[in-house]
Protein backbone atom coordinates (compact mmCIF):
# COMPACT_ATOMS: atom_id res chain seq x y z
CA MET A 1 88.71 168.34 116.99
CA GLU A 2 89.71 166.08 119.88
CA ALA A 3 91.44 162.81 119.10
CA VAL A 4 89.51 159.57 119.67
CA SER A 5 90.40 155.95 120.23
CA LEU A 6 88.21 154.58 117.43
CA LEU A 7 86.92 156.30 114.30
CA ILE A 8 84.03 154.60 112.50
CA LEU A 9 83.97 155.46 108.81
CA GLY A 10 80.41 154.64 107.86
CA ALA A 11 78.15 154.42 110.92
CA GLY A 12 75.57 152.10 109.45
CA TRP A 13 73.95 148.90 110.74
CA THR A 14 76.98 147.79 112.77
CA SER A 15 77.08 151.03 114.76
CA GLN A 16 73.80 150.29 116.56
CA PHE A 17 75.67 147.54 118.39
CA LEU A 18 79.16 149.02 118.40
CA ILE A 19 78.52 152.52 119.75
CA PRO A 20 76.67 151.40 122.92
CA ARG A 21 79.54 149.02 123.71
CA LEU A 22 82.12 151.74 123.13
CA LYS A 23 80.24 153.99 125.55
CA THR A 24 80.01 151.24 128.17
CA ALA A 25 83.73 150.53 127.84
CA HIS A 26 84.55 154.27 127.98
CA ILE A 27 86.29 154.07 124.60
CA THR A 28 86.22 157.45 122.89
CA TYR A 29 84.94 157.36 119.33
CA GLY A 30 83.92 159.37 116.31
CA ALA A 31 81.56 158.26 113.56
CA THR A 32 80.75 159.39 110.03
CA THR A 33 77.74 159.15 107.75
CA ARG A 34 77.15 160.61 104.31
CA ASN A 35 74.69 163.24 105.60
CA GLY A 36 75.85 163.74 109.18
CA ARG A 37 72.69 162.29 110.71
CA GLU A 38 72.38 161.70 114.46
CA SER A 39 75.31 163.97 115.33
CA THR A 40 77.79 162.09 113.14
CA ILE A 41 80.45 163.71 110.99
CA PRO A 42 79.47 164.22 107.33
CA PHE A 43 81.99 162.34 105.18
CA THR A 44 81.92 160.51 101.87
CA PHE A 45 84.87 158.61 100.49
CA ASP A 46 85.41 159.71 96.89
CA PRO A 47 87.78 157.30 95.12
CA SER A 48 88.26 159.80 92.30
CA SER A 49 89.52 162.57 94.58
CA HIS A 50 93.04 163.00 95.94
CA ASP A 51 92.18 166.06 98.02
CA PRO A 52 93.06 165.60 101.72
CA GLU A 53 90.78 168.47 102.82
CA PRO A 54 87.70 166.28 103.64
CA TYR A 55 89.92 164.26 105.99
CA ALA A 56 90.69 167.38 108.01
CA GLN A 57 87.07 167.23 109.23
CA LEU A 58 87.80 163.86 110.83
CA PRO A 59 89.41 163.35 114.24
CA SER A 60 92.77 161.72 114.74
CA ALA A 61 92.25 158.16 115.94
CA GLU A 62 94.23 155.21 117.25
CA THR A 63 92.16 152.87 115.10
CA VAL A 64 90.14 153.62 111.97
CA LEU A 65 87.31 151.20 111.15
CA VAL A 66 86.08 151.13 107.54
CA THR A 67 82.61 149.57 107.41
CA PHE A 68 81.83 150.24 103.74
CA PRO A 69 83.38 148.17 100.96
CA LEU A 70 86.57 149.35 99.31
CA THR A 71 87.07 147.80 95.89
CA GLY A 72 89.88 147.17 93.47
CA GLN A 73 93.49 148.29 93.45
CA GLY A 74 94.27 151.68 94.94
CA GLN A 75 91.32 152.53 97.17
CA SER A 76 92.81 151.19 100.42
CA LYS A 77 96.08 153.00 99.74
CA GLN A 78 94.21 156.16 98.85
CA ILE A 79 91.99 156.38 101.92
CA THR A 80 94.81 155.57 104.33
CA SER A 81 97.31 157.94 102.71
CA LEU A 82 94.90 160.89 102.56
CA TYR A 83 93.93 160.39 106.19
CA ARG A 84 97.61 160.14 107.18
CA ILE A 85 98.55 163.31 105.31
CA VAL A 86 96.33 165.14 107.80
CA HIS A 87 96.61 162.98 110.92
CA GLY A 88 100.00 161.28 110.69
CA HIS A 89 100.87 157.61 110.47
CA ASN A 90 100.26 156.53 114.05
CA ASN A 91 96.96 154.78 113.38
CA LYS A 92 95.71 151.23 112.82
CA TRP A 93 93.13 150.23 110.21
CA ILE A 94 90.35 147.64 110.25
CA GLN A 95 88.24 146.78 107.19
CA LEU A 96 84.96 144.86 107.44
CA GLY A 97 84.52 142.34 104.65
CA SER A 98 82.50 139.24 103.76
CA THR A 99 83.17 135.52 104.12
CA GLY A 100 81.79 135.16 100.59
CA ILE A 101 85.33 135.39 99.19
CA PHE A 102 86.33 132.01 100.68
CA THR A 103 86.06 129.34 98.03
CA ASP A 104 87.26 125.97 99.35
CA PRO A 105 84.51 123.40 98.68
CA HIS A 106 84.36 122.13 102.27
CA TRP A 107 86.02 123.56 105.41
CA ASN A 108 87.32 127.14 105.24
CA ASP A 109 89.22 129.04 107.91
CA HIS A 110 91.10 132.36 107.84
CA LYS A 111 94.06 130.73 106.08
CA SER A 112 92.01 129.03 103.37
CA THR A 113 91.95 129.79 99.66
CA TYR A 114 89.90 132.82 98.70
CA ASN A 115 88.93 134.56 95.48
CA ARG A 116 91.82 136.97 94.99
CA ASN A 117 90.15 138.41 91.88
CA SER A 118 87.17 139.69 93.86
CA PRO A 119 87.23 143.53 93.82
CA ARG A 120 86.70 143.57 97.58
CA ALA A 121 89.44 140.99 98.18
CA ILE A 122 91.85 143.03 96.06
CA ALA A 123 91.23 146.11 98.22
CA GLU A 124 91.46 144.04 101.40
CA ASP A 125 94.79 142.54 100.31
CA GLU A 126 96.08 146.04 99.68
CA LEU A 127 95.08 147.10 103.19
CA LEU A 128 96.83 144.04 104.61
CA GLU A 129 99.99 145.05 102.76
CA LEU A 130 99.71 148.42 104.49
CA GLY A 131 99.55 146.72 107.90
CA GLY A 132 95.78 146.74 108.30
CA CYS A 133 93.44 144.04 109.56
CA VAL A 134 90.44 142.54 107.75
CA LEU A 135 87.42 140.99 109.43
CA ASN A 136 85.49 138.83 106.96
CA LEU A 137 82.02 138.50 108.46
CA ALA A 138 79.42 135.79 107.98
CA GLY A 139 75.75 136.70 107.51
CA LEU A 140 74.86 139.62 109.76
CA TYR A 141 71.74 139.51 111.89
CA GLY A 142 70.20 141.29 114.86
CA GLY A 143 67.99 144.34 115.20
CA GLU A 144 65.84 144.59 112.10
CA ARG A 145 67.78 141.81 110.34
CA ASN A 146 65.91 138.57 111.04
CA PRO A 147 67.10 135.46 109.17
CA LYS A 148 63.51 134.16 109.07
CA ASN A 149 62.80 136.91 106.57
CA TRP A 150 65.44 135.52 104.24
CA VAL A 151 63.75 132.15 103.65
CA THR A 152 61.50 133.26 100.80
CA ARG A 153 64.39 135.16 99.22
CA VAL A 154 66.55 132.05 98.95
CA ALA A 155 63.94 129.39 98.14
CA LYS A 156 60.30 129.31 97.05
CA THR A 157 60.15 125.83 95.52
CA LYS A 158 61.12 122.32 96.54
CA GLN A 159 63.88 122.34 93.92
CA GLU A 160 65.33 125.51 95.40
CA VAL A 161 65.12 124.10 98.93
CA ASN A 162 67.01 121.03 97.73
CA GLY A 163 69.94 123.23 96.73
CA LYS A 164 70.28 124.94 100.11
CA LYS A 165 72.99 123.66 102.41
CA ALA A 166 74.95 125.63 105.02
CA LEU A 167 74.19 129.03 106.49
CA HIS A 168 76.70 130.97 108.61
CA LEU A 169 75.78 133.90 110.81
CA ILE A 170 77.11 136.37 113.33
CA HIS A 171 75.05 138.66 115.55
CA GLY A 172 75.73 142.38 115.58
CA GLU A 173 76.62 142.21 119.28
CA ASP A 174 79.44 139.81 118.51
CA VAL A 175 80.61 141.91 115.56
CA ALA A 176 80.90 144.85 117.97
CA ARG A 177 82.79 142.75 120.51
CA ALA A 178 85.13 141.50 117.79
CA ILE A 179 85.92 145.03 116.57
CA ILE A 180 86.73 146.21 120.09
CA ALA A 181 88.88 143.13 120.69
CA VAL A 182 90.91 143.80 117.54
CA HIS A 183 91.21 147.49 118.47
CA GLU A 184 92.62 146.53 121.87
CA ASN A 185 94.75 143.62 120.66
CA PHE A 186 95.81 144.78 117.22
CA SER A 187 98.05 142.58 115.13
CA GLU A 188 99.14 143.83 111.72
CA ALA A 189 98.29 142.20 108.39
CA ASN A 190 95.78 139.68 109.71
CA ARG A 191 92.74 138.48 107.79
CA TRP A 192 90.18 136.90 110.11
CA LEU A 193 87.02 134.93 109.38
CA LEU A 194 84.11 135.50 111.81
CA THR A 195 81.02 133.41 112.53
CA ASP A 196 79.14 132.58 115.73
CA LEU A 197 80.97 129.19 115.67
CA ARG A 198 77.93 127.40 114.27
CA VAL A 199 77.12 125.81 110.92
CA TYR A 200 73.38 126.08 110.38
CA ASP A 201 71.51 123.74 108.05
CA TRP A 202 69.00 125.54 105.82
CA TRP A 203 66.74 122.46 105.76
CA ASP A 204 66.61 122.42 109.54
CA LEU A 205 65.78 126.12 109.71
CA MET A 206 63.16 125.98 106.96
CA GLN A 207 61.43 123.02 108.59
CA ASP A 208 61.41 124.78 111.96
CA TRP A 209 60.32 128.17 110.61
CA ASP A 210 57.65 126.88 108.23
CA SER A 211 54.62 128.26 110.09
CA ASP A 212 56.26 131.59 110.95
CA VAL A 213 57.32 132.17 107.36
CA LYS A 214 53.88 131.32 106.01
CA SER A 215 52.21 133.61 108.55
CA ALA A 216 54.43 136.50 107.47
CA VAL A 217 53.76 135.81 103.78
CA ALA A 218 50.00 135.59 104.44
CA LYS A 219 50.04 139.06 106.02
CA ALA A 220 52.14 140.57 103.25
CA GLU A 221 50.91 138.76 100.14
CA GLY A 222 47.74 136.91 101.11
CA GLU A 223 46.71 133.39 102.06
CA LYS A 224 47.01 132.03 98.51
CA ALA A 225 50.70 132.94 98.30
CA ALA A 226 51.33 131.46 101.74
CA ALA A 227 49.57 128.20 100.84
CA GLU A 228 52.02 127.62 97.98
CA LEU A 229 54.94 127.48 100.43
CA LYS A 230 55.35 124.02 101.92
CA TYR A 231 58.78 124.12 103.55
CA ALA A 232 58.11 121.46 106.20
CA GLU A 233 56.61 119.11 103.61
CA TRP A 234 59.37 119.74 101.08
CA VAL A 235 62.14 119.16 103.62
CA GLY A 236 60.49 115.94 104.80
CA GLU A 237 60.20 114.64 101.24
CA LEU A 238 63.81 115.57 100.50
CA MET A 239 64.98 113.76 103.63
CA VAL A 240 63.33 110.58 102.35
CA GLU A 241 64.68 111.06 98.83
CA GLU A 242 68.24 111.82 100.02
CA ASN A 243 68.23 109.25 102.84
CA VAL A 244 68.78 111.93 105.50
CA ARG A 245 67.85 110.41 108.86
CA SER A 246 67.79 113.53 111.05
CA LEU A 247 68.15 117.29 111.14
CA PRO A 248 70.31 119.25 111.21
CA ARG A 249 72.47 117.52 108.66
CA SER A 250 76.12 117.07 109.61
CA ALA A 251 78.53 119.83 108.60
CA GLU A 252 80.40 117.13 106.70
CA ASN A 253 77.42 116.95 104.32
CA LEU A 254 76.78 120.67 103.87
CA GLY A 255 79.42 121.56 101.30
CA ARG A 256 81.28 124.83 101.91
CA VAL A 257 81.45 125.47 105.66
CA LEU A 258 83.31 128.00 107.82
CA ASP A 259 85.58 127.61 110.85
CA SER A 260 86.19 130.78 112.90
CA VAL A 261 87.62 129.24 116.08
CA ALA A 262 91.07 130.78 115.44
CA PHE A 263 89.81 134.36 115.75
CA TRP A 264 87.95 133.88 119.02
CA LYS A 265 90.85 131.92 120.48
CA ALA A 266 93.36 134.62 119.48
CA MET A 267 91.21 137.40 121.00
CA LYS A 268 90.50 135.36 124.16
CA ILE A 269 86.77 135.98 123.89
CA TRP A 270 83.93 133.83 122.57
CA PRO A 271 80.60 134.67 120.90
CA CYS A 272 77.82 135.67 123.28
CA ARG A 273 74.97 135.21 120.80
CA GLY A 274 74.20 131.96 119.02
CA ARG A 275 71.39 129.74 117.77
CA ILE A 276 69.93 132.77 115.98
CA SER A 277 69.01 134.63 119.14
CA MET A 278 66.80 137.61 118.29
CA ALA A 279 66.12 138.65 121.91
């Protein structure tokens, strides 16, 4: 099998944005899925197996991107070592993770405190020790993932709306651009935090999306269910009760918020999709 520049282990949601950009940039790639769909390579990471044979079905690559979560102690070392038994050590590793591990109560950046006891963080730390790079991603959207569809999942009552503060997002196009940037400008043992540089206010979004959300609920569950959702009214009442004079609320009043400027500055690129662009 011919060597490639980038090997995607787990060609899931991210690949719909990443693969077209790799083709446009003439970056050779390989991609795996569990069942080998759409001309991908069948591959499943088995943390209980120490057999290097499945890795012989994979191409040698300059950079290996792991899109699925590795957890706990040992899995990062296992997957890298088994791959390197077959393909040698001249490869770089990128792991996609979540910003959910960052725990500071207000501003968080890539150097902030994070939950080191999280199974995913443990595996990510292990990969960093092996010289890998971790991209902790904010909420992913684009394609079939529309944040408007999340509103009823996070709040269906005024009390639940009251508890919603900041939302952080990144579009799949910018995830793809970030992966390529790291591939081309790799720096060992870096953990990066990625957002689209914005801090969204859930109240602002719920107030704005009120009619769209209710229309969707009416189609799916009926007019009675939709009539029980009063996001615009609830947000207005909460603004009066909490003495909030305008929307969106300031990031200083939204609790845990994320700062990803350092990544984009280091890569010398900036997000191309913001303000929840679904076009």
